[in-house]
Amino acid sequence: MSAATETQNTEAPKVKRYREGVVVKNKMNKTVIVEITRLTQHAQFKKVIRRKIRYAVHDEKNESKAGDKVRILQTRPLSKTKRWTLIKVLPK
């Protein structure tokens, strides 16, 4: 077996990551900030905690506005902070 064949077999197919969140900021051109909230349980006290993370998302057509629920897809790095792109604005 050649070296080229071995490297082809070890490569796993890329899994596309989708997330759903709410646009919290749209002041920039072609960029929005999307906040995704998840509920987790505290390890020691067992209380439910709300955790949130913010993503810089590429919005090519500037179609979303603050308060919209959106679906985003992970892509290649587009800038220093943008690793996600807007797929669609979900109905309310």
PDB file of N, CA and C in Angstrom:
ATOM      1  N   MET A   1       0.844  -1.178   0.000  1.00  0.00           N
ATOM      2  CA  MET A   1       0.000   0.000   0.000  1.00  0.00           C
ATOM      3  C   MET A   1       0.887   1.238   0.000  1.00  0.00           C
ATOM      4  N   SER A   2       0.590   2.202  -0.825  1.00  0.00           N
ATOM      5  CA  SER A   2       1.425   3.393  -0.925  1.00  0.00           C
ATOM      6  C   SER A   2       1.057   4.409   0.154  1.00  0.00           C
ATOM      7  N   ALA A   3       1.910   5.405   0.323  1.00  0.00           N
ATOM      8  CA  ALA A   3       1.687   6.433   1.346  1.00  0.00           C
ATOM      9  C   ALA A   3       0.470   7.287   1.013  1.00  0.00           C
ATOM     10  N   ALA A   4       0.220   7.524  -0.268  1.00  0.00           N
ATOM     11  CA  ALA A   4      -0.925   8.344  -0.670  1.00  0.00           C
ATOM     12  C   ALA A   4      -2.238   7.663  -0.311  1.00  0.00           C
ATOM     13  N   THR A   5      -2.293   6.342  -0.466  1.00  0.00           N
ATOM     14  CA  THR A   5      -3.516   5.610  -0.157  1.00  0.00           C
ATOM     15  C   THR A   5      -3.776   5.610   1.346  1.00  0.00           C
ATOM     16  N   GLU A   6      -2.718   5.518   2.146  1.00  0.00           N
ATOM     17  CA  GLU A   6      -2.888   5.500   3.591  1.00  0.00           C
ATOM     18  C   GLU A   6      -3.415   6.823   4.111  1.00  0.00           C
ATOM     19  N   THR A   7      -2.971   7.954   3.565  1.00  0.00           N
ATOM     20  CA  THR A   7      -3.455   9.254   4.034  1.00  0.00           C
ATOM     21  C   THR A   7      -4.900   9.480   3.645  1.00  0.00           C
ATOM     22  N   GLN A   8      -5.323   8.931   2.523  1.00  0.00           N
ATOM     23  CA  GLN A   8      -6.720   9.089   2.117  1.00  0.00           C
ATOM     24  C   GLN A   8      -7.640   8.326   3.066  1.00  0.00           C
ATOM     25  N   ASN A   9      -7.217   7.182   3.558  1.00  0.00           N
ATOM     26  CA  ASN A   9      -8.054   6.384   4.444  1.00  0.00           C
ATOM     27  C   ASN A   9      -8.162   6.976   5.843  1.00  0.00           C
ATOM     28  N   THR A  10      -7.164   7.736   6.287  1.00  0.00           N
ATOM     29  CA  THR A  10      -7.187   8.281   7.636  1.00  0.00           C
ATOM     30  C   THR A  10      -7.998   9.567   7.741  1.00  0.00           C
ATOM     31  N   GLU A  11      -8.308  10.222   6.629  1.00  0.00           N
ATOM     32  CA  GLU A  11      -9.070  11.467   6.673  1.00  0.00           C
ATOM     33  C   GLU A  11     -10.541  11.168   6.934  1.00  0.00           C
ATOM     34  N   ALA A  12     -11.075  11.787   7.962  1.00  0.00           N
ATOM     35  CA  ALA A  12     -12.490  11.611   8.291  1.00  0.00           C
ATOM     36  C   ALA A  12     -13.302  12.674   7.559  1.00  0.00           C
ATOM     37  N   PRO A  13     -14.541  12.359   7.195  1.00  0.00           N
ATOM     38  CA  PRO A  13     -15.367  13.381   6.542  1.00  0.00           C
ATOM     39  C   PRO A  13     -15.684  14.518   7.508  1.00  0.00           C
ATOM     40  N   LYS A  14     -15.708  15.728   6.984  1.00  0.00           N
ATOM     41  CA  LYS A  14     -15.978  16.901   7.807  1.00  0.00           C
ATOM     42  C   LYS A  14     -17.458  16.936   8.189  1.00  0.00           C
ATOM     43  N   VAL A  15     -17.726  17.157   9.463  1.00  0.00           N
ATOM     44  CA  VAL A  15     -19.088  17.263   9.961  1.00  0.00           C
ATOM     45  C   VAL A  15     -19.427  18.740  10.055  1.00  0.00           C
ATOM     46  N   LYS A  16     -20.517  19.140   9.405  1.00  0.00           N
ATOM     47  CA  LYS A  16     -20.929  20.534   9.449  1.00  0.00           C
ATOM     48  C   LYS A  16     -21.725  20.778  10.731  1.00  0.00           C
ATOM     49  N   ARG A  17     -21.354  21.843  11.430  1.00  0.00           N
ATOM     50  CA  ARG A  17     -22.028  22.173  12.682  1.00  0.00           C
ATOM     51  C   ARG A  17     -23.040  23.272  12.451  1.00  0.00           C
ATOM     52  N   TYR A  18     -24.252  23.040  12.898  1.00  0.00           N
ATOM     53  CA  TYR A  18     -25.320  24.018  12.830  1.00  0.00           C
ATOM     54  C   TYR A  18     -25.670  24.445  14.238  1.00  0.00           C
ATOM     55  N   ARG A  19     -26.051  25.685  14.405  1.00  0.00           N
ATOM     56  CA  ARG A  19     -26.517  26.201  15.685  1.00  0.00           C
ATOM     57  C   ARG A  19     -27.703  27.122  15.425  1.00  0.00           C
ATOM     58  N   GLU A  20     -28.533  27.291  16.443  1.00  0.00           N
ATOM     59  CA  GLU A  20     -29.640  28.239  16.376  1.00  0.00           C
ATOM     60  C   GLU A  20     -29.506  29.198  17.544  1.00  0.00           C
ATOM     61  N   GLY A  21     -29.673  30.485  17.255  1.00  0.00           N
ATOM     62  CA  GLY A  21     -29.546  31.487  18.297  1.00  0.00           C
ATOM     63  C   GLY A  21     -30.286  32.756  17.935  1.00  0.00           C
ATOM     64  N   VAL A  22     -30.086  33.769  18.740  1.00  0.00           N
ATOM     65  CA  VAL A  22     -30.774  35.043  18.585  1.00  0.00           C
ATOM     66  C   VAL A  22     -29.751  36.126  18.278  1.00  0.00           C
ATOM     67  N   VAL A  23     -30.062  36.965  17.290  1.00  0.00           N
ATOM     68  CA  VAL A  23     -29.190  38.086  16.937  1.00  0.00           C
ATOM     69  C   VAL A  23     -29.305  39.141  18.029  1.00  0.00           C
ATOM     70  N   VAL A  24     -28.168  39.522  18.603  1.00  0.00           N
ATOM     71  CA  VAL A  24     -28.175  40.539  19.655  1.00  0.00           C
ATOM     72  C   VAL A  24     -27.588  41.863  19.187  1.00  0.00           C
ATOM     73  N   LYS A  25     -26.808  41.829  18.098  1.00  0.00           N
ATOM     74  CA  LYS A  25     -26.196  43.057  17.610  1.00  0.00           C
ATOM     75  C   LYS A  25     -26.023  42.967  16.096  1.00  0.00           C
ATOM     76  N   ASN A  26     -26.417  44.015  15.381  1.00  0.00           N
ATOM     77  CA  ASN A  26     -26.236  44.042  13.925  1.00  0.00           C
ATOM     78  C   ASN A  26     -25.734  45.399  13.445  1.00  0.00           C
ATOM     79  N   LYS A  27     -24.866  46.026  14.191  1.00  0.00           N
ATOM     80  CA  LYS A  27     -24.370  47.360  13.846  1.00  0.00           C
ATOM     81  C   LYS A  27     -23.290  47.337  12.762  1.00  0.00           C
ATOM     82  N   MET A  28     -22.652  46.176  12.568  1.00  0.00           N
ATOM     83  CA  MET A  28     -21.559  46.102  11.604  1.00  0.00           C
ATOM     84  C   MET A  28     -22.075  45.750  10.211  1.00  0.00           C
ATOM     85  N   ASN A  29     -21.261  46.013   9.199  1.00  0.00           N
ATOM     86  CA  ASN A  29     -21.627  45.683   7.830  1.00  0.00           C
ATOM     87  C   ASN A  29     -21.289  44.220   7.556  1.00  0.00           C
ATOM     88  N   LYS A  30     -22.278  43.432   7.143  1.00  0.00           N
ATOM     89  CA  LYS A  30     -22.138  42.013   6.810  1.00  0.00           C
ATOM     90  C   LYS A  30     -21.725  41.132   7.982  1.00  0.00           C
ATOM     91  N   THR A  31     -21.890  41.618   9.200  1.00  0.00           N
ATOM     92  CA  THR A  31     -21.572  40.838  10.388  1.00  0.00           C
ATOM     93  C   THR A  31     -22.634  41.074  11.450  1.00  0.00           C
ATOM     94  N   VAL A  32     -23.078  39.990  12.084  1.00  0.00           N
ATOM     95  CA  VAL A  32     -23.993  40.085  13.216  1.00  0.00           C
ATOM     96  C   VAL A  32     -23.420  39.265  14.362  1.00  0.00           C
ATOM     97  N   ILE A  33     -23.837  39.596  15.571  1.00  0.00           N
ATOM     98  CA  ILE A  33     -23.448  38.837  16.746  1.00  0.00           C
ATOM     99  C   ILE A  33     -24.656  38.008  17.171  1.00  0.00           C
ATOM    100  N   VAL A  34     -24.465  36.689  17.213  1.00  0.00           N
ATOM    101  CA  VAL A  34     -25.539  35.760  17.569  1.00  0.00           C
ATOM    102  C   VAL A  34     -25.219  35.154  18.926  1.00  0.00           C
ATOM    103  N   GLU A  35     -26.212  35.163  19.810  1.00  0.00           N
ATOM    104  CA  GLU A  35     -26.048  34.612  21.149  1.00  0.00           C
ATOM    105  C   GLU A  35     -26.814  33.305  21.254  1.00  0.00           C
ATOM    106  N   ILE A  36     -26.127  32.269  21.726  1.00  0.00           N
ATOM    107  CA  ILE A  36     -26.748  30.956  21.886  1.00  0.00           C
ATOM    108  C   ILE A  36     -26.761  30.633  23.371  1.00  0.00           C
ATOM    109  N   THR A  37     -27.940  30.328  23.886  1.00  0.00           N
ATOM    110  CA  THR A  37     -28.122  30.052  25.306  1.00  0.00           C
ATOM    111  C   THR A  37     -28.412  28.568  25.496  1.00  0.00           C
ATOM    112  N   ARG A  38     -27.751  27.968  26.487  1.00  0.00           N
ATOM    113  CA  ARG A  38     -28.024  26.572  26.810  1.00  0.00           C
ATOM    114  C   ARG A  38     -28.161  26.429  28.315  1.00  0.00           C
ATOM    115  N   LEU A  39     -28.900  25.423  28.746  1.00  0.00           N
ATOM    116  CA  LEU A  39     -29.103  25.159  30.157  1.00  0.00           C
ATOM    117  C   LEU A  39     -28.230  23.988  30.572  1.00  0.00           C
ATOM    118  N   THR A  40     -27.479  24.163  31.661  1.00  0.00           N
ATOM    119  CA  THR A  40     -26.661  23.083  32.202  1.00  0.00           C
ATOM    120  C   THR A  40     -26.927  22.967  33.687  1.00  0.00           C
ATOM    121  N   GLN A  41     -26.569  21.831  34.238  1.00  0.00           N
ATOM    122  CA  GLN A  41     -26.757  21.621  35.663  1.00  0.00           C
ATOM    123  C   GLN A  41     -25.423  21.759  36.382  1.00  0.00           C
ATOM    124  N   HIS A  42     -25.427  22.480  37.490  1.00  0.00           N
ATOM    125  CA  HIS A  42     -24.213  22.659  38.271  1.00  0.00           C
ATOM    126  C   HIS A  42     -23.792  21.309  38.848  1.00  0.00           C
ATOM    127  N   ALA A  43     -22.503  21.013  38.784  1.00  0.00           N
ATOM    128  CA  ALA A  43     -22.008  19.697  39.184  1.00  0.00           C
ATOM    129  C   ALA A  43     -22.213  19.418  40.672  1.00  0.00           C
ATOM    130  N   GLN A  44     -21.987  20.416  41.502  1.00  0.00           N
ATOM    131  CA  GLN A  44     -22.078  20.184  42.944  1.00  0.00           C
ATOM    132  C   GLN A  44     -23.459  20.493  43.504  1.00  0.00           C
ATOM    133  N   PHE A  45     -24.043  21.612  43.098  1.00  0.00           N
ATOM    134  CA  PHE A  45     -25.285  22.072  43.721  1.00  0.00           C
ATOM    135  C   PHE A  45     -26.538  21.660  42.959  1.00  0.00           C
ATOM    136  N   LYS A  46     -26.401  21.090  41.763  1.00  0.00           N
ATOM    137  CA  LYS A  46     -27.509  20.564  40.954  1.00  0.00           C
ATOM    138  C   LYS A  46     -28.512  21.622  40.528  1.00  0.00           C
ATOM    139  N   LYS A  47     -28.138  22.883  40.624  1.00  0.00           N
ATOM    140  CA  LYS A  47     -29.019  23.955  40.175  1.00  0.00           C
ATOM    141  C   LYS A  47     -28.852  24.150  38.669  1.00  0.00           C
ATOM    142  N   VAL A  48     -29.936  24.460  37.978  1.00  0.00           N
ATOM    143  CA  VAL A  48     -29.878  24.681  36.533  1.00  0.00           C
ATOM    144  C   VAL A  48     -29.335  26.078  36.275  1.00  0.00           C
ATOM    145  N   ILE A  49     -28.293  26.141  35.444  1.00  0.00           N
ATOM    146  CA  ILE A  49     -27.617  27.397  35.147  1.00  0.00           C
ATOM    147  C   ILE A  49     -27.774  27.699  33.666  1.00  0.00           C
ATOM    148  N   ARG A  50     -28.006  28.955  33.356  1.00  0.00           N
ATOM    149  CA  ARG A  50     -28.114  29.387  31.963  1.00  0.00           C
ATOM    150  C   ARG A  50     -26.745  29.886  31.501  1.00  0.00           C
ATOM    151  N   ARG A  51     -26.174  29.204  30.512  1.00  0.00           N
ATOM    152  CA  ARG A  51     -24.881  29.595  29.941  1.00  0.00           C
ATOM    153  C   ARG A  51     -25.108  30.151  28.552  1.00  0.00           C
ATOM    154  N   LYS A  52     -24.332  31.168  28.178  1.00  0.00           N
ATOM    155  CA  LYS A  52     -24.486  31.726  26.845  1.00  0.00           C
ATOM    156  C   LYS A  52     -23.121  31.965  26.208  1.00  0.00           C
ATOM    157  N   ILE A  53     -23.106  31.881  24.882  1.00  0.00           N
ATOM    158  CA  ILE A  53     -21.894  32.114  24.118  1.00  0.00           C
ATOM    159  C   ILE A  53     -22.281  32.956  22.912  1.00  0.00           C
ATOM    160  N   ARG A  54     -21.379  33.842  22.512  1.00  0.00           N
ATOM    161  CA  ARG A  54     -21.648  34.739  21.384  1.00  0.00           C
ATOM    162  C   ARG A  54     -20.727  34.406  20.223  1.00  0.00           C
ATOM    163  N   TYR A  55     -21.295  34.382  19.029  1.00  0.00           N
ATOM    164  CA  TYR A  55     -20.535  34.114  17.814  1.00  0.00           C
ATOM    165  C   TYR A  55     -20.643  35.309  16.871  1.00  0.00           C
ATOM    166  N   ALA A  56     -19.535  35.657  16.224  1.00  0.00           N
ATOM    167  CA  ALA A  56     -19.556  36.634  15.138  1.00  0.00           C
ATOM    168  C   ALA A  56     -19.919  35.865  13.874  1.00  0.00           C
ATOM    169  N   VAL A  57     -20.988  36.276  13.204  1.00  0.00           N
ATOM    170  CA  VAL A  57     -21.551  35.524  12.083  1.00  0.00           C
ATOM    171  C   VAL A  57     -21.555  36.396  10.836  1.00  0.00           C
ATOM    172  N   HIS A  58     -21.151  35.804   9.704  1.00  0.00           N
ATOM    173  CA  HIS A  58     -21.139  36.505   8.422  1.00  0.00           C
ATOM    174  C   HIS A  58     -22.557  36.535   7.855  1.00  0.00           C
ATOM    175  N   ASP A  59     -23.075  37.732   7.596  1.00  0.00           N
ATOM    176  CA  ASP A  59     -24.412  37.934   7.028  1.00  0.00           C
ATOM    177  C   ASP A  59     -24.233  38.706   5.724  1.00  0.00           C
ATOM    178  N   GLU A  60     -24.095  37.993   4.626  1.00  0.00           N
ATOM    179  CA  GLU A  60     -23.746  38.583   3.329  1.00  0.00           C
ATOM    180  C   GLU A  60     -24.744  39.651   2.878  1.00  0.00           C
ATOM    181  N   LYS A  61     -26.037  39.403   3.058  1.00  0.00           N
ATOM    182  CA  LYS A  61     -27.067  40.318   2.542  1.00  0.00           C
ATOM    183  C   LYS A  61     -27.598  41.290   3.585  1.00  0.00           C
ATOM    184  N   ASN A  62     -27.035  41.287   4.788  1.00  0.00           N
ATOM    185  CA  ASN A  62     -27.534  42.129   5.885  1.00  0.00           C
ATOM    186  C   ASN A  62     -29.036  41.950   6.086  1.00  0.00           C
ATOM    187  N   GLU A  63     -29.493  40.696   6.087  1.00  0.00           N
ATOM    188  CA  GLU A  63     -30.928  40.423   6.143  1.00  0.00           C
ATOM    189  C   GLU A  63     -31.474  40.249   7.556  1.00  0.00           C
ATOM    190  N   SER A  64     -30.622  40.038   8.539  1.00  0.00           N
ATOM    191  CA  SER A  64     -31.125  39.833   9.895  1.00  0.00           C
ATOM    192  C   SER A  64     -31.019  41.116  10.705  1.00  0.00           C
ATOM    193  N   LYS A  65     -31.873  41.217  11.713  1.00  0.00           N
ATOM    194  CA  LYS A  65     -31.845  42.368  12.602  1.00  0.00           C
ATOM    195  C   LYS A  65     -31.898  41.873  14.045  1.00  0.00           C
ATOM    196  N   ALA A  66     -31.669  42.741  14.978  1.00  0.00           N
ATOM    197  CA  ALA A  66     -31.628  42.370  16.392  1.00  0.00           C
ATOM    198  C   ALA A  66     -32.958  41.763  16.812  1.00  0.00           C
ATOM    199  N   GLY A  67     -32.892  40.645  17.515  1.00  0.00           N
ATOM    200  CA  GLY A  67     -34.089  39.958  17.987  1.00  0.00           C
ATOM    201  C   GLY A  67     -34.519  38.803  17.106  1.00  0.00           C
ATOM    202  N   ASP A  68     -33.956  38.672  15.906  1.00  0.00           N
ATOM    203  CA  ASP A  68     -34.317  37.572  15.007  1.00  0.00           C
ATOM    204  C   ASP A  68     -33.689  36.274  15.476  1.00  0.00           C
ATOM    205  N   LYS A  69     -34.436  35.176  15.325  1.00  0.00           N
ATOM    206  CA  LYS A  69     -33.883  33.851  15.580  1.00  0.00           C
ATOM    207  C   LYS A  69     -33.307  33.348  14.272  1.00  0.00           C
ATOM    208  N   VAL A  70     -32.053  32.871  14.292  1.00  0.00           N
ATOM    209  CA  VAL A  70     -31.359  32.500  13.062  1.00  0.00           C
ATOM    210  C   VAL A  70     -30.708  31.125  13.203  1.00  0.00           C
ATOM    211  N   ARG A  71     -30.412  30.520  12.056  1.00  0.00           N
ATOM    212  CA  ARG A  71     -29.632  29.276  11.988  1.00  0.00           C
ATOM    213  C   ARG A  71     -28.300  29.615  11.349  1.00  0.00           C
ATOM    214  N   ILE A  72     -27.202  29.156  11.970  1.00  0.00           N
ATOM    215  CA  ILE A  72     -25.863  29.455  11.469  1.00  0.00           C
ATOM    216  C   ILE A  72     -25.106  28.155  11.212  1.00  0.00           C
ATOM    217  N   LEU A  73     -24.085  28.241  10.354  1.00  0.00           N
ATOM    218  CA  LEU A  73     -23.281  27.100   9.950  1.00  0.00           C
ATOM    219  C   LEU A  73     -21.814  27.425  10.131  1.00  0.00           C
ATOM    220  N   GLN A  74     -21.053  26.474  10.675  1.00  0.00           N
ATOM    221  CA  GLN A  74     -19.620  26.680  10.862  1.00  0.00           C
ATOM    222  C   GLN A  74     -18.908  26.581   9.516  1.00  0.00           C
ATOM    223  N   THR A  75     -18.002  27.538   9.252  1.00  0.00           N
ATOM    224  CA  THR A  75     -17.277  27.578   7.984  1.00  0.00           C
ATOM    225  C   THR A  75     -15.797  27.827   8.252  1.00  0.00           C
ATOM    226  N   ARG A  76     -15.057  28.022   7.180  1.00  0.00           N
ATOM    227  CA  ARG A  76     -13.639  28.357   7.299  1.00  0.00           C
ATOM    228  C   ARG A  76     -13.514  29.749   7.921  1.00  0.00           C
ATOM    229  N   PRO A  77     -12.354  30.094   8.463  1.00  0.00           N
ATOM    230  CA  PRO A  77     -12.175  31.433   9.031  1.00  0.00           C
ATOM    231  C   PRO A  77     -12.342  32.520   7.968  1.00  0.00           C
ATOM    232  N   LEU A  78     -13.257  33.452   8.217  1.00  0.00           N
ATOM    233  CA  LEU A  78     -13.514  34.556   7.288  1.00  0.00           C
ATOM    234  C   LEU A  78     -12.803  35.835   7.725  1.00  0.00           C
ATOM    235  N   SER A  79     -12.519  35.962   9.010  1.00  0.00           N
ATOM    236  CA  SER A  79     -11.774  37.097   9.541  1.00  0.00           C
ATOM    237  C   SER A  79     -11.165  36.658  10.870  1.00  0.00           C
ATOM    238  N   LYS A  80     -10.718  37.604  11.651  1.00  0.00           N
ATOM    239  CA  LYS A  80     -10.100  37.261  12.928  1.00  0.00           C
ATOM    240  C   LYS A  80     -11.072  36.535  13.859  1.00  0.00           C
ATOM    241  N   THR A  81     -12.333  36.940  13.865  1.00  0.00           N
ATOM    242  CA  THR A  81     -13.307  36.347  14.791  1.00  0.00           C
ATOM    243  C   THR A  81     -14.429  35.587  14.105  1.00  0.00           C
ATOM    244  N   LYS A  82     -14.646  35.767  12.811  1.00  0.00           N
ATOM    245  CA  LYS A  82     -15.789  35.137  12.132  1.00  0.00           C
ATOM    246  C   LYS A  82     -15.453  33.735  11.661  1.00  0.00           C
ATOM    247  N   ARG A  83     -16.160  32.748  12.223  1.00  0.00           N
ATOM    248  CA  ARG A  83     -16.038  31.349  11.819  1.00  0.00           C
ATOM    249  C   ARG A  83     -17.384  30.750  11.462  1.00  0.00           C
ATOM    250  N   TRP A  84     -18.427  31.559  11.450  1.00  0.00           N
ATOM    251  CA  TRP A  84     -19.787  31.089  11.199  1.00  0.00           C
ATOM    252  C   TRP A  84     -20.431  31.946  10.123  1.00  0.00           C
ATOM    253  N   THR A  85     -21.381  31.360   9.388  1.00  0.00           N
ATOM    254  CA  THR A  85     -22.123  32.105   8.377  1.00  0.00           C
ATOM    255  C   THR A  85     -23.617  31.880   8.573  1.00  0.00           C
ATOM    256  N   LEU A  86     -24.388  32.879   8.217  1.00  0.00           N
ATOM    257  CA  LEU A  86     -25.844  32.830   8.386  1.00  0.00           C
ATOM    258  C   LEU A  86     -26.466  31.959   7.302  1.00  0.00           C
ATOM    259  N   ILE A  87     -27.283  30.992   7.709  1.00  0.00           N
ATOM    260  CA  ILE A  87     -27.991  30.133   6.750  1.00  0.00           C
ATOM    261  C   ILE A  87     -29.359  30.730   6.438  1.00  0.00           C
ATOM    262  N   LYS A  88     -30.159  30.959   7.483  1.00  0.00           N
ATOM    263  CA  LYS A  88     -31.476  31.562   7.254  1.00  0.00           C
ATOM    264  C   LYS A  88     -32.021  32.165   8.541  1.00  0.00           C
ATOM    265  N   VAL A  89     -32.956  33.083   8.361  1.00  0.00           N
ATOM    266  CA  VAL A  89     -33.671  33.688   9.472  1.00  0.00           C
ATOM    267  C   VAL A  89     -34.903  32.833   9.698  1.00  0.00           C
ATOM    268  N   LEU A  90     -35.075  32.329  10.912  1.00  0.00           N
ATOM    269  CA  LEU A  90     -36.193  31.456  11.241  1.00  0.00           C
ATOM    270  C   LEU A  90     -37.441  32.275  11.579  1.00  0.00           C
ATOM    271  N   PRO A  91     -38.613  31.751  11.249  1.00  0.00           N
ATOM    272  CA  PRO A  91     -39.838  32.489  11.593  1.00  0.00           C
ATOM    273  C   PRO A  91     -40.044  32.520  13.111  1.00  0.00           C
ATOM    274  N   LYS A  92     -40.719  33.566  13.565  1.00  0.00           N
ATOM    275  CA  LYS A  92     -40.939  33.741  15.008  1.00  0.00           C
ATOM    276  C   LYS A  92     -42.032  32.853  15.542  1.00  0.00           C
TER     277      LYS A  92
END
